[in-house]
Each structure stands twice: as C-alpha cells, then as structure tokens.
Amino acid sequence: MELPRLQPLYATYRDRGFTVVAVERTRDTGRAKQFIAEHSLSFPCLENGTGEGEVVWKQYQVAVFPTSMLIDRRGRVVAMHVGFEEGDEAKLEAEVRQWLER
C-alpha cells in the first residue's frame, strides 16, 4: 500500500518545499475519505471525477496504478515510478533529498 508509506516522507520534507499529492483512481469519494482517515494522511488528496484527477492523469499520461512522480516546481516530471514494492519509499526519499539539495 503506497500512500501510507508516503506519509512519513511528506512529514519529513514538507517544510523544505516537498509535498505529496494523491489522486483517487476510483471515483468512490466515500471510500477514499475513509481510507484517508484510517491512515491519517495529511497531504492533499484530489478526487478523480471532479475534474481535478482527470486533469492530472491526462497531463502526466498516467495509465498504471500506483504511479509515483517527482514533479519539480516548474511542473516537469523529474522521476517516475510505476508500481510500488516494499522498500520503494527509501528510493523515493533518496531522490527527494537529491532534488531538494539542488
């Protein structure tokens, strides 16, 4: 499960300009809200189907779930990871640290 593993990364680096934005993939708002509450997610979560999620998926051409992207302040994708496995959060953290040091 990707999103709960990204919460510590967000908490650690949000004061340095890093954020996590989740985009719901199912259009099941009630289920998404329950998941967010159960896992105490504090980063922004967009609803797929309100237009917000659709725009994100189209702009960044996301076709596989989960997909994690590091997007710089100019909106450019600087790293993309498709799928999520045990230990991937460490790889993402290394990339986040690298980009924040620039």
PDB file of N, CA and C in Angstrom:
ATOM      1  N   MET A   1       0.844  -1.169   0.000  1.00  0.00           N
ATOM      2  CA  MET A   1       0.000   0.000   0.000  1.00  0.00           C
ATOM      3  C   MET A   1       0.897   1.243   0.000  1.00  0.00           C
ATOM      4  N   GLU A   2       0.809   2.002  -1.042  1.00  0.00           N
ATOM      5  CA  GLU A   2       1.729   3.113  -1.279  1.00  0.00           C
ATOM      6  C   GLU A   2       1.502   4.338  -0.395  1.00  0.00           C
ATOM      7  N   LEU A   3       0.300   4.853  -0.351  1.00  0.00           N
ATOM      8  CA  LEU A   3       0.067   6.150   0.290  1.00  0.00           C
ATOM      9  C   LEU A   3       0.453   6.203   1.765  1.00  0.00           C
ATOM     10  N   PRO A   4       0.099   5.221   2.590  1.00  0.00           N
ATOM     11  CA  PRO A   4       0.535   5.296   3.982  1.00  0.00           C
ATOM     12  C   PRO A   4       2.059   5.336   4.127  1.00  0.00           C
ATOM     13  N   ARG A   5       2.774   4.741   3.198  1.00  0.00           N
ATOM     14  CA  ARG A   5       4.240   4.758   3.264  1.00  0.00           C
ATOM     15  C   ARG A   5       4.816   6.096   2.818  1.00  0.00           C
ATOM     16  N   LEU A   6       4.023   6.894   2.121  1.00  0.00           N
ATOM     17  CA  LEU A   6       4.486   8.212   1.698  1.00  0.00           C
ATOM     18  C   LEU A   6       4.239   9.281   2.764  1.00  0.00           C
ATOM     19  N   GLN A   7       3.360   8.996   3.722  1.00  0.00           N
ATOM     20  CA  GLN A   7       3.063   9.969   4.772  1.00  0.00           C
ATOM     21  C   GLN A   7       4.317  10.389   5.551  1.00  0.00           C
ATOM     22  N   PRO A   8       5.180   9.459   5.999  1.00  0.00           N
ATOM     23  CA  PRO A   8       6.389   9.889   6.712  1.00  0.00           C
ATOM     24  C   PRO A   8       7.320  10.739   5.838  1.00  0.00           C
ATOM     25  N   LEU A   9       7.396  10.432   4.567  1.00  0.00           N
ATOM     26  CA  LEU A   9       8.216  11.210   3.641  1.00  0.00           C
ATOM     27  C   LEU A   9       7.685  12.640   3.553  1.00  0.00           C
ATOM     28  N   TYR A  10       6.386  12.765   3.444  1.00  0.00           N
ATOM     29  CA  TYR A  10       5.744  14.077   3.410  1.00  0.00           C
ATOM     30  C   TYR A  10       6.010  14.832   4.714  1.00  0.00           C
ATOM     31  N   ALA A  11       5.818  14.174   5.848  1.00  0.00           N
ATOM     32  CA  ALA A  11       6.004  14.824   7.148  1.00  0.00           C
ATOM     33  C   ALA A  11       7.441  15.298   7.339  1.00  0.00           C
ATOM     34  N   THR A  12       8.389  14.535   6.838  1.00  0.00           N
ATOM     35  CA  THR A  12       9.801  14.878   6.996  1.00  0.00           C
ATOM     36  C   THR A  12      10.217  16.063   6.140  1.00  0.00           C
ATOM     37  N   TYR A  13       9.716  16.140   4.915  1.00  0.00           N
ATOM     38  CA  TYR A  13      10.239  17.115   3.952  1.00  0.00           C
ATOM     39  C   TYR A  13       9.285  18.240   3.566  1.00  0.00           C
ATOM     40  N   ARG A  14       8.086  18.273   4.096  1.00  0.00           N
ATOM     41  CA  ARG A  14       7.134  19.306   3.662  1.00  0.00           C
ATOM     42  C   ARG A  14       7.603  20.720   3.985  1.00  0.00           C
ATOM     43  N   ASP A  15       8.335  20.892   5.070  1.00  0.00           N
ATOM     44  CA  ASP A  15       8.827  22.223   5.420  1.00  0.00           C
ATOM     45  C   ASP A  15       9.977  22.682   4.532  1.00  0.00           C
ATOM     46  N   ARG A  16      10.470  21.778   3.695  1.00  0.00           N
ATOM     47  CA  ARG A  16      11.561  22.125   2.773  1.00  0.00           C
ATOM     48  C   ARG A  16      11.051  22.281   1.339  1.00  0.00           C
ATOM     49  N   GLY A  17       9.747  22.306   1.174  1.00  0.00           N
ATOM     50  CA  GLY A  17       9.183  22.539  -0.149  1.00  0.00           C
ATOM     51  C   GLY A  17       8.700  21.295  -0.866  1.00  0.00           C
ATOM     52  N   PHE A  18       8.737  20.144  -0.204  1.00  0.00           N
ATOM     53  CA  PHE A  18       8.273  18.898  -0.813  1.00  0.00           C
ATOM     54  C   PHE A  18       6.826  18.654  -0.406  1.00  0.00           C
ATOM     55  N   THR A  19       6.044  18.151  -1.328  1.00  0.00           N
ATOM     56  CA  THR A  19       4.684  17.751  -0.983  1.00  0.00           C
ATOM     57  C   THR A  19       4.331  16.454  -1.687  1.00  0.00           C
ATOM     58  N   VAL A  20       3.340  15.808  -1.185  1.00  0.00           N
ATOM     59  CA  VAL A  20       2.753  14.629  -1.815  1.00  0.00           C
ATOM     60  C   VAL A  20       1.338  15.039  -2.194  1.00  0.00           C
ATOM     61  N   VAL A  21       0.917  14.699  -3.390  1.00  0.00           N
ATOM     62  CA  VAL A  21      -0.466  14.915  -3.811  1.00  0.00           C
ATOM     63  C   VAL A  21      -0.985  13.573  -4.303  1.00  0.00           C
ATOM     64  N   ALA A  22      -2.020  13.090  -3.670  1.00  0.00           N
ATOM     65  CA  ALA A  22      -2.624  11.819  -4.078  1.00  0.00           C
ATOM     66  C   ALA A  22      -3.817  12.115  -4.974  1.00  0.00           C
ATOM     67  N   VAL A  23      -4.008  11.268  -5.969  1.00  0.00           N
ATOM     68  CA  VAL A  23      -5.170  11.388  -6.843  1.00  0.00           C
ATOM     69  C   VAL A  23      -5.933  10.072  -6.779  1.00  0.00           C
ATOM     70  N   GLU A  24      -7.154  10.140  -6.300  1.00  0.00           N
ATOM     71  CA  GLU A  24      -8.004   8.964  -6.194  1.00  0.00           C
ATOM     72  C   GLU A  24      -8.262   8.406  -7.590  1.00  0.00           C
ATOM     73  N   ARG A  25      -8.279   7.097  -7.708  1.00  0.00           N
ATOM     74  CA  ARG A  25      -8.428   6.499  -9.033  1.00  0.00           C
ATOM     75  C   ARG A  25      -9.809   5.922  -9.311  1.00  0.00           C
ATOM     76  N   THR A  26     -10.663   5.827  -8.302  1.00  0.00           N
ATOM     77  CA  THR A  26     -11.904   5.064  -8.484  1.00  0.00           C
ATOM     78  C   THR A  26     -13.193   5.875  -8.532  1.00  0.00           C
ATOM     79  N   ARG A  27     -13.147   7.119  -8.210  1.00  0.00           N
ATOM     80  CA  ARG A  27     -14.357   7.958  -8.131  1.00  0.00           C
ATOM     81  C   ARG A  27     -15.284   7.531  -6.998  1.00  0.00           C
ATOM     82  N   ASP A  28     -14.744   6.858  -6.017  1.00  0.00           N
ATOM     83  CA  ASP A  28     -15.523   6.444  -4.851  1.00  0.00           C
ATOM     84  C   ASP A  28     -15.104   7.329  -3.681  1.00  0.00           C
ATOM     85  N   THR A  29     -15.693   8.513  -3.619  1.00  0.00           N
ATOM     86  CA  THR A  29     -15.287   9.519  -2.648  1.00  0.00           C
ATOM     87  C   THR A  29     -15.422   9.033  -1.215  1.00  0.00           C
ATOM     88  N   GLY A  30     -16.500   8.356  -0.895  1.00  0.00           N
ATOM     89  CA  GLY A  30     -16.699   7.865   0.467  1.00  0.00           C
ATOM     90  C   GLY A  30     -15.606   6.905   0.885  1.00  0.00           C
ATOM     91  N   ARG A  31     -15.283   5.992   0.013  1.00  0.00           N
ATOM     92  CA  ARG A  31     -14.223   5.016   0.302  1.00  0.00           C
ATOM     93  C   ARG A  31     -12.874   5.722   0.435  1.00  0.00           C
ATOM     94  N   ALA A  32     -12.617   6.689  -0.429  1.00  0.00           N
ATOM     95  CA  ALA A  32     -11.357   7.429  -0.376  1.00  0.00           C
ATOM     96  C   ALA A  32     -11.242   8.198   0.937  1.00  0.00           C
ATOM     97  N   LYS A  33     -12.304   8.857   1.352  1.00  0.00           N
ATOM     98  CA  LYS A  33     -12.283   9.613   2.614  1.00  0.00           C
ATOM     99  C   LYS A  33     -12.051   8.690   3.802  1.00  0.00           C
ATOM    100  N   GLN A  34     -12.650   7.512   3.770  1.00  0.00           N
ATOM    101  CA  GLN A  34     -12.451   6.541   4.841  1.00  0.00           C
ATOM    102  C   GLN A  34     -10.988   6.100   4.885  1.00  0.00           C
ATOM    103  N   PHE A  35     -10.400   5.822   3.720  1.00  0.00           N
ATOM    104  CA  PHE A  35      -9.001   5.403   3.640  1.00  0.00           C
ATOM    105  C   PHE A  35      -8.085   6.499   4.185  1.00  0.00           C
ATOM    106  N   ILE A  36      -8.338   7.736   3.792  1.00  0.00           N
ATOM    107  CA  ILE A  36      -7.532   8.876   4.245  1.00  0.00           C
ATOM    108  C   ILE A  36      -7.596   8.991   5.760  1.00  0.00           C
ATOM    109  N   ALA A  37      -8.786   8.867   6.328  1.00  0.00           N
ATOM    110  CA  ALA A  37      -8.952   8.962   7.779  1.00  0.00           C
ATOM    111  C   ALA A  37      -8.288   7.794   8.500  1.00  0.00           C
ATOM    112  N   GLU A  38      -8.483   6.575   8.004  1.00  0.00           N
ATOM    113  CA  GLU A  38      -7.912   5.388   8.646  1.00  0.00           C
ATOM    114  C   GLU A  38      -6.392   5.434   8.695  1.00  0.00           C
ATOM    115  N   HIS A  39      -5.776   6.046   7.693  1.00  0.00           N
ATOM    116  CA  HIS A  39      -4.319   6.071   7.611  1.00  0.00           C
ATOM    117  C   HIS A  39      -3.728   7.426   7.989  1.00  0.00           C
ATOM    118  N   SER A  40      -4.555   8.321   8.499  1.00  0.00           N
ATOM    119  CA  SER A  40      -4.127   9.652   8.951  1.00  0.00           C
ATOM    120  C   SER A  40      -3.271  10.374   7.919  1.00  0.00           C
ATOM    121  N   LEU A  41      -3.729  10.364   6.683  1.00  0.00           N
ATOM    122  CA  LEU A  41      -2.990  11.040   5.617  1.00  0.00           C
ATOM    123  C   LEU A  41      -3.249  12.535   5.714  1.00  0.00           C
ATOM    124  N   SER A  42      -2.186  13.319   5.721  1.00  0.00           N
ATOM    125  CA  SER A  42      -2.347  14.767   5.879  1.00  0.00           C
ATOM    126  C   SER A  42      -1.968  15.549   4.629  1.00  0.00           C
ATOM    127  N   PHE A  43      -1.533  14.862   3.582  1.00  0.00           N
ATOM    128  CA  PHE A  43      -1.194  15.569   2.345  1.00  0.00           C
ATOM    129  C   PHE A  43      -2.439  15.729   1.477  1.00  0.00           C
ATOM    130  N   PRO A  44      -2.393  16.627   0.484  1.00  0.00           N
ATOM    131  CA  PRO A  44      -3.571  16.864  -0.359  1.00  0.00           C
ATOM    132  C   PRO A  44      -3.983  15.617  -1.142  1.00  0.00           C
ATOM    133  N   CYS A  45      -5.283  15.403  -1.228  1.00  0.00           N
ATOM    134  CA  CYS A  45      -5.839  14.281  -1.984  1.00  0.00           C
ATOM    135  C   CYS A  45      -6.899  14.828  -2.935  1.00  0.00           C
ATOM    136  N   LEU A  46      -6.727  14.577  -4.222  1.00  0.00           N
ATOM    137  CA  LEU A  46      -7.669  15.046  -5.233  1.00  0.00           C
ATOM    138  C   LEU A  46      -8.661  13.947  -5.567  1.00  0.00           C
ATOM    139  N   GLU A  47      -9.871  14.349  -5.883  1.00  0.00           N
ATOM    140  CA  GLU A  47     -10.905  13.391  -6.267  1.00  0.00           C
ATOM    141  C   GLU A  47     -10.883  13.182  -7.771  1.00  0.00           C
ATOM    142  N   ASN A  48     -10.813  11.953  -8.193  1.00  0.00           N
ATOM    143  CA  ASN A  48     -10.897  11.629  -9.613  1.00  0.00           C
ATOM    144  C   ASN A  48     -12.366  11.656  -9.991  1.00  0.00           C
ATOM    145  N   GLY A  49     -12.714  12.505 -10.900  1.00  0.00           N
ATOM    146  CA  GLY A  49     -14.109  12.621 -11.284  1.00  0.00           C
ATOM    147  C   GLY A  49     -14.647  14.013 -11.038  1.00  0.00           C
ATOM    148  N   THR A  50     -13.945  14.799 -10.211  1.00  0.00           N
ATOM    149  CA  THR A  50     -14.355  16.185 -10.016  1.00  0.00           C
ATOM    150  C   THR A  50     -13.668  17.066 -11.040  1.00  0.00           C
ATOM    151  N   GLY A  51     -12.862  16.460 -11.863  1.00  0.00           N
ATOM    152  CA  GLY A  51     -12.104  17.226 -12.842  1.00  0.00           C
ATOM    153  C   GLY A  51     -10.651  17.345 -12.446  1.00  0.00           C
ATOM    154  N   GLU A  52     -10.380  17.437 -11.133  1.00  0.00           N
ATOM    155  CA  GLU A  52      -9.006  17.589 -10.667  1.00  0.00           C
ATOM    156  C   GLU A  52      -8.158  16.386 -11.044  1.00  0.00           C
ATOM    157  N   GLY A  53      -8.651  15.206 -10.715  1.00  0.00           N
ATOM    158  CA  GLY A  53      -7.912  13.982 -11.002  1.00  0.00           C
ATOM    159  C   GLY A  53      -7.775  13.732 -12.485  1.00  0.00           C
ATOM    160  N   GLU A  54      -8.836  13.985 -13.220  1.00  0.00           N
ATOM    161  CA  GLU A  54      -8.800  13.779 -14.670  1.00  0.00           C
ATOM    162  C   GLU A  54      -7.700  14.614 -15.302  1.00  0.00           C
ATOM    163  N   VAL A  55      -7.582  15.855 -14.879  1.00  0.00           N
ATOM    164  CA  VAL A  55      -6.559  16.750 -15.432  1.00  0.00           C
ATOM    165  C   VAL A  55      -5.164  16.205 -15.136  1.00  0.00           C
ATOM    166  N   VAL A  56      -4.954  15.757 -13.907  1.00  0.00           N
ATOM    167  CA  VAL A  56      -3.638  15.228 -13.528  1.00  0.00           C
ATOM    168  C   VAL A  56      -3.291  14.011 -14.372  1.00  0.00           C
ATOM    169  N   TRP A  57      -4.225  13.060 -14.483  1.00  0.00           N
ATOM    170  CA  TRP A  57      -3.937  11.841 -15.249  1.00  0.00           C
ATOM    171  C   TRP A  57      -3.639  12.163 -16.704  1.00  0.00           C
ATOM    172  N   LYS A  58      -4.389  13.066 -17.282  1.00  0.00           N
ATOM    173  CA  LYS A  58      -4.168  13.403 -18.691  1.00  0.00           C
ATOM    174  C   LYS A  58      -2.866  14.163 -18.886  1.00  0.00           C
ATOM    175  N   GLN A  59      -2.615  15.146 -18.037  1.00  0.00           N
ATOM    176  CA  GLN A  59      -1.409  15.963 -18.195  1.00  0.00           C
ATOM    177  C   GLN A  59      -0.141  15.123 -18.079  1.00  0.00           C
ATOM    178  N   TYR A  60      -0.121  14.196 -17.144  1.00  0.00           N
ATOM    179  CA  TYR A  60       1.083  13.401 -16.908  1.00  0.00           C
ATOM    180  C   TYR A  60       0.994  12.005 -17.511  1.00  0.00           C
ATOM    181  N   GLN A  61      -0.041  11.730 -18.266  1.00  0.00           N
ATOM    182  CA  GLN A  61      -0.221  10.481 -19.004  1.00  0.00           C
ATOM    183  C   GLN A  61      -0.062   9.243 -18.114  1.00  0.00           C
ATOM    184  N   VAL A  62      -0.774   9.239 -17.018  1.00  0.00           N
ATOM    185  CA  VAL A  62      -0.734   8.120 -16.081  1.00  0.00           C
ATOM    186  C   VAL A  62      -1.720   7.054 -16.541  1.00  0.00           C
ATOM    187  N   ALA A  63      -1.220   5.827 -16.690  1.00  0.00           N
ATOM    188  CA  ALA A  63      -2.073   4.728 -17.141  1.00  0.00           C
ATOM    189  C   ALA A  63      -2.057   3.545 -16.178  1.00  0.00           C
ATOM    190  N   VAL A  64      -1.116   3.513 -15.249  1.00  0.00           N
ATOM    191  CA  VAL A  64      -0.942   2.381 -14.335  1.00  0.00           C
ATOM    192  C   VAL A  64      -1.021   2.901 -12.899  1.00  0.00           C
ATOM    193  N   PHE A  65      -1.668   2.114 -12.039  1.00  0.00           N
ATOM    194  CA  PHE A  65      -1.795   2.490 -10.634  1.00  0.00           C
ATOM    195  C   PHE A  65      -1.074   1.486  -9.763  1.00  0.00           C
ATOM    196  N   PRO A  66      -0.311   1.877  -8.777  1.00  0.00           N
ATOM    197  CA  PRO A  66       0.008   3.270  -8.496  1.00  0.00           C
ATOM    198  C   PRO A  66       1.157   3.759  -9.370  1.00  0.00           C
ATOM    199  N   THR A  67       1.176   5.034  -9.602  1.00  0.00           N
ATOM    200  CA  THR A  67       2.299   5.699 -10.253  1.00  0.00           C
ATOM    201  C   THR A  67       2.735   6.825  -9.332  1.00  0.00           C
ATOM    202  N   SER A  68       4.014   6.878  -9.037  1.00  0.00           N
ATOM    203  CA  SER A  68       4.569   7.952  -8.212  1.00  0.00           C
ATOM    204  C   SER A  68       5.469   8.794  -9.091  1.00  0.00           C
ATOM    205  N   MET A  69       5.308  10.100  -8.998  1.00  0.00           N
ATOM    206  CA  MET A  69       6.136  11.012  -9.782  1.00  0.00           C
ATOM    207  C   MET A  69       6.724  12.070  -8.876  1.00  0.00           C
ATOM    208  N   LEU A  70       7.940  12.442  -9.171  1.00  0.00           N
ATOM    209  CA  LEU A  70       8.513  13.628  -8.559  1.00  0.00           C
ATOM    210  C   LEU A  70       8.406  14.714  -9.616  1.00  0.00           C
ATOM    211  N   ILE A  71       7.737  15.785  -9.264  1.00  0.00           N
ATOM    212  CA  ILE A  71       7.492  16.881 -10.193  1.00  0.00           C
ATOM    213  C   ILE A  71       8.136  18.127  -9.604  1.00  0.00           C
ATOM    214  N   ASP A  72       8.982  18.784 -10.398  1.00  0.00           N
ATOM    215  CA  ASP A  72       9.661  19.966  -9.871  1.00  0.00           C
ATOM    216  C   ASP A  72       8.712  21.158  -9.819  1.00  0.00           C
ATOM    217  N   ARG A  73       9.213  22.267  -9.321  1.00  0.00           N
ATOM    218  CA  ARG A  73       8.370  23.450  -9.141  1.00  0.00           C
ATOM    219  C   ARG A  73       7.858  24.026 -10.453  1.00  0.00           C
ATOM    220  N   ARG A  74       8.470  23.645 -11.551  1.00  0.00           N
ATOM    221  CA  ARG A  74       8.028  24.118 -12.867  1.00  0.00           C
ATOM    222  C   ARG A  74       7.000  23.174 -13.500  1.00  0.00           C
ATOM    223  N   GLY A  75       6.673  22.085 -12.793  1.00  0.00           N
ATOM    224  CA  GLY A  75       5.694  21.133 -13.303  1.00  0.00           C
ATOM    225  C   GLY A  75       6.289  20.039 -14.165  1.00  0.00           C
ATOM    226  N   ARG A  76       7.615  19.951 -14.202  1.00  0.00           N
ATOM    227  CA  ARG A  76       8.278  18.916 -15.002  1.00  0.00           C
ATOM    228  C   ARG A  76       8.468  17.652 -14.176  1.00  0.00           C
ATOM    229  N   VAL A  77       8.215  16.511 -14.802  1.00  0.00           N
ATOM    230  CA  VAL A  77       8.444  15.226 -14.140  1.00  0.00           C
ATOM    231  C   VAL A  77       9.945  14.967 -14.141  1.00  0.00           C
ATOM    232  N   VAL A  78      10.524  14.829 -12.951  1.00  0.00           N
ATOM    233  CA  VAL A  78      11.958  14.575 -12.846  1.00  0.00           C
ATOM    234  C   VAL A  78      12.246  13.120 -12.490  1.00  0.00           C
ATOM    235  N   ALA A  79      11.233  12.397 -12.039  1.00  0.00           N
ATOM    236  CA  ALA A  79      11.373  10.963 -11.772  1.00  0.00           C
ATOM    237  C   ALA A  79       9.980  10.350 -11.754  1.00  0.00           C
ATOM    238  N   MET A  80       9.885   9.120 -12.255  1.00  0.00           N
ATOM    239  CA  MET A  80       8.595   8.425 -12.268  1.00  0.00           C
ATOM    240  C   MET A  80       8.811   6.971 -11.873  1.00  0.00           C
ATOM    241  N   HIS A  81       7.927   6.477 -11.024  1.00  0.00           N
ATOM    242  CA  HIS A  81       7.971   5.088 -10.584  1.00  0.00           C
ATOM    243  C   HIS A  81       6.594   4.475 -10.793  1.00  0.00           C
ATOM    244  N   VAL A  82       6.540   3.380 -11.515  1.00  0.00           N
ATOM    245  CA  VAL A  82       5.284   2.677 -11.758  1.00  0.00           C
ATOM    246  C   VAL A  82       5.252   1.462 -10.843  1.00  0.00           C
ATOM    247  N   GLY A  83       4.148   1.306 -10.126  1.00  0.00           N
ATOM    248  CA  GLY A  83       4.047   0.236  -9.148  1.00  0.00           C
ATOM    249  C   GLY A  83       4.653   0.686  -7.831  1.00  0.00           C
ATOM    250  N   PHE A  84       4.555  -0.161  -6.831  1.00  0.00           N
ATOM    251  CA  PHE A  84       5.130   0.164  -5.530  1.00  0.00           C
ATOM    252  C   PHE A  84       5.387  -1.129  -4.787  1.00  0.00           C
ATOM    253  N   GLU A  85       6.639  -1.301  -4.369  1.00  0.00           N
ATOM    254  CA  GLU A  85       7.041  -2.506  -3.649  1.00  0.00           C
ATOM    255  C   GLU A  85       7.685  -2.122  -2.329  1.00  0.00           C
ATOM    256  N   GLU A  86       7.795  -3.079  -1.459  1.00  0.00           N
ATOM    257  CA  GLU A  86       8.477  -2.876  -0.186  1.00  0.00           C
ATOM    258  C   GLU A  86       9.854  -2.278  -0.445  1.00  0.00           C
ATOM    259  N   GLY A  87      10.171  -1.210   0.230  1.00  0.00           N
ATOM    260  CA  GLY A  87      11.478  -0.579   0.077  1.00  0.00           C
ATOM    261  C   GLY A  87      11.512   0.567  -0.919  1.00  0.00           C
ATOM    262  N   ASP A  88      10.473   0.726  -1.724  1.00  0.00           N
ATOM    263  CA  ASP A  88      10.458   1.815  -2.705  1.00  0.00           C
ATOM    264  C   ASP A  88      10.466   3.187  -2.048  1.00  0.00           C
ATOM    265  N   GLU A  89       9.924   3.277  -0.840  1.00  0.00           N
ATOM    266  CA  GLU A  89       9.908   4.579  -0.177  1.00  0.00           C
ATOM    267  C   GLU A  89      11.323   5.088   0.090  1.00  0.00           C
ATOM    268  N   ALA A  90      12.277   4.178   0.326  1.00  0.00           N
ATOM    269  CA  ALA A  90      13.670   4.585   0.532  1.00  0.00           C
ATOM    270  C   ALA A  90      14.261   5.152  -0.758  1.00  0.00           C
ATOM    271  N   LYS A  91      13.927   4.546  -1.885  1.00  0.00           N
ATOM    272  CA  LYS A  91      14.396   5.063  -3.179  1.00  0.00           C
ATOM    273  C   LYS A  91      13.810   6.443  -3.448  1.00  0.00           C
ATOM    274  N   LEU A  92      12.527   6.586  -3.173  1.00  0.00           N
ATOM    275  CA  LEU A  92      11.888   7.887  -3.366  1.00  0.00           C
ATOM    276  C   LEU A  92      12.505   8.940  -2.453  1.00  0.00           C
ATOM    277  N   GLU A  93      12.778   8.567  -1.213  1.00  0.00           N
ATOM    278  CA  GLU A  93      13.369   9.528  -0.290  1.00  0.00           C
ATOM    279  C   GLU A  93      14.740   9.979  -0.770  1.00  0.00           C
ATOM    280  N   ALA A  94      15.537   9.062  -1.291  1.00  0.00           N
ATOM    281  CA  ALA A  94      16.853   9.435  -1.817  1.00  0.00           C
ATOM    282  C   ALA A  94      16.708  10.426  -2.968  1.00  0.00           C
ATOM    283  N   GLU A  95      15.741  10.203  -3.834  1.00  0.00           N
ATOM    284  CA  GLU A  95      15.520  11.127  -4.952  1.00  0.00           C
ATOM    285  C   GLU A  95      15.008  12.477  -4.462  1.00  0.00           C
ATOM    286  N   VAL A  96      14.134  12.466  -3.478  1.00  0.00           N
ATOM    287  CA  VAL A  96      13.625  13.721  -2.922  1.00  0.00           C
ATOM    288  C   VAL A  96      14.775  14.522  -2.321  1.00  0.00           C
ATOM    289  N   ARG A  97      15.612  13.870  -1.525  1.00  0.00           N
ATOM    290  CA  ARG A  97      16.762  14.565  -0.928  1.00  0.00           C
ATOM    291  C   ARG A  97      17.658  15.156  -2.000  1.00  0.00           C
ATOM    292  N   GLN A  98      17.900  14.388  -3.057  1.00  0.00           N
ATOM    293  CA  GLN A  98      18.743  14.857  -4.159  1.00  0.00           C
ATOM    294  C   GLN A  98      18.164  16.131  -4.776  1.00  0.00           C
ATOM    295  N   TRP A  99      16.870  16.138  -5.044  1.00  0.00           N
ATOM    296  CA  TRP A  99      16.240  17.296  -5.677  1.00  0.00           C
ATOM    297  C   TRP A  99      16.142  18.486  -4.734  1.00  0.00           C
ATOM    298  N   LEU A 100      15.950  18.256  -3.466  1.00  0.00           N
ATOM    299  CA  LEU A 100      15.870  19.367  -2.518  1.00  0.00           C
ATOM    300  C   LEU A 100      17.226  20.029  -2.307  1.00  0.00           C
ATOM    301  N   GLU A 101      18.296  19.296  -2.534  1.00  0.00           N
ATOM    302  CA  GLU A 101      19.640  19.850  -2.358  1.00  0.00           C
ATOM    303  C   GLU A 101      20.085  20.702  -3.534  1.00  0.00           C
ATOM    304  N   ARG A 102      19.341  20.679  -4.617  1.00  0.00           N
ATOM    305  CA  ARG A 102      19.720  21.472  -5.799  1.00  0.00           C
ATOM    306  C   ARG A 102      19.408  22.921  -5.608  1.00  0.00           C
TER     307      ARG A 102
END
